[in-house]
Amino acid sequence: MFLVGSVSVLEVVDIFTDNIKILSISALITILLSIVILIYRNHK
């Protein structure tokens, strides 16, 4: 039982870290896109 519990906890932590990576990458992409759009509009 203890082994199964620790494995499930590890899986949850793994999924959580993956979600954090995906969220941070998407946030970086959106910030970069907004900066590019702002620069593009200012140059027009």
Protein backbone atom coordinates (compact mmCIF):
# COMPACT_ATOMS: atom_id res chain seq x y z
CA MET A 1 0.00 0.00 0.00
CA PHE A 2 2.77 2.44 0.95
CA LEU A 3 4.62 1.80 -2.33
CA VAL A 4 1.45 2.37 -4.36
CA GLY A 5 0.77 5.60 -2.44
CA SER A 6 4.27 6.94 -3.04
CA VAL A 7 4.09 6.03 -6.74
CA SER A 8 0.75 7.84 -7.16
CA VAL A 9 2.16 10.89 -5.34
CA LEU A 10 5.19 10.84 -7.67
CA GLU A 11 2.87 10.62 -10.69
CA VAL A 12 0.81 13.58 -9.43
CA VAL A 13 4.00 15.60 -8.84
CA ASP A 14 5.25 14.68 -12.33
CA ILE A 15 1.96 15.78 -13.94
CA PHE A 16 2.00 18.97 -11.84
CA THR A 17 5.54 19.89 -12.93
CA ASP A 18 4.61 19.18 -16.56
CA ASN A 19 1.60 21.50 -16.22
CA ILE A 20 3.82 24.22 -14.71
CA LYS A 21 6.25 23.86 -17.64
CA ILE A 22 3.40 24.10 -20.18
CA LEU A 23 1.86 27.08 -18.36
CA SER A 24 5.18 28.95 -18.15
CA ILE A 25 5.96 28.28 -21.83
CA SER A 26 2.50 29.46 -22.95
CA ALA A 27 2.80 32.55 -20.72
CA LEU A 28 6.21 33.36 -22.25
CA ILE A 29 4.79 32.94 -25.76
CA THR A 30 1.82 35.24 -25.03
CA ILE A 31 4.10 37.89 -23.48
CA LEU A 32 6.46 37.73 -26.48
CA LEU A 33 3.52 37.98 -28.90
CA SER A 34 2.07 41.00 -27.09
CA ILE A 35 5.47 42.74 -27.09
CA VAL A 36 5.90 42.05 -30.83
CA ILE A 37 2.38 43.39 -31.55
CA LEU A 38 3.07 46.53 -29.48
CA ILE A 39 6.36 47.19 -31.31
CA TYR A 40 4.67 46.52 -34.68
CA ARG A 41 1.83 48.96 -33.90
CA ASN A 42 4.27 51.64 -32.69
CA HIS A 43 6.31 51.38 -35.92
CA LYS A 44 3.24 51.78 -38.17
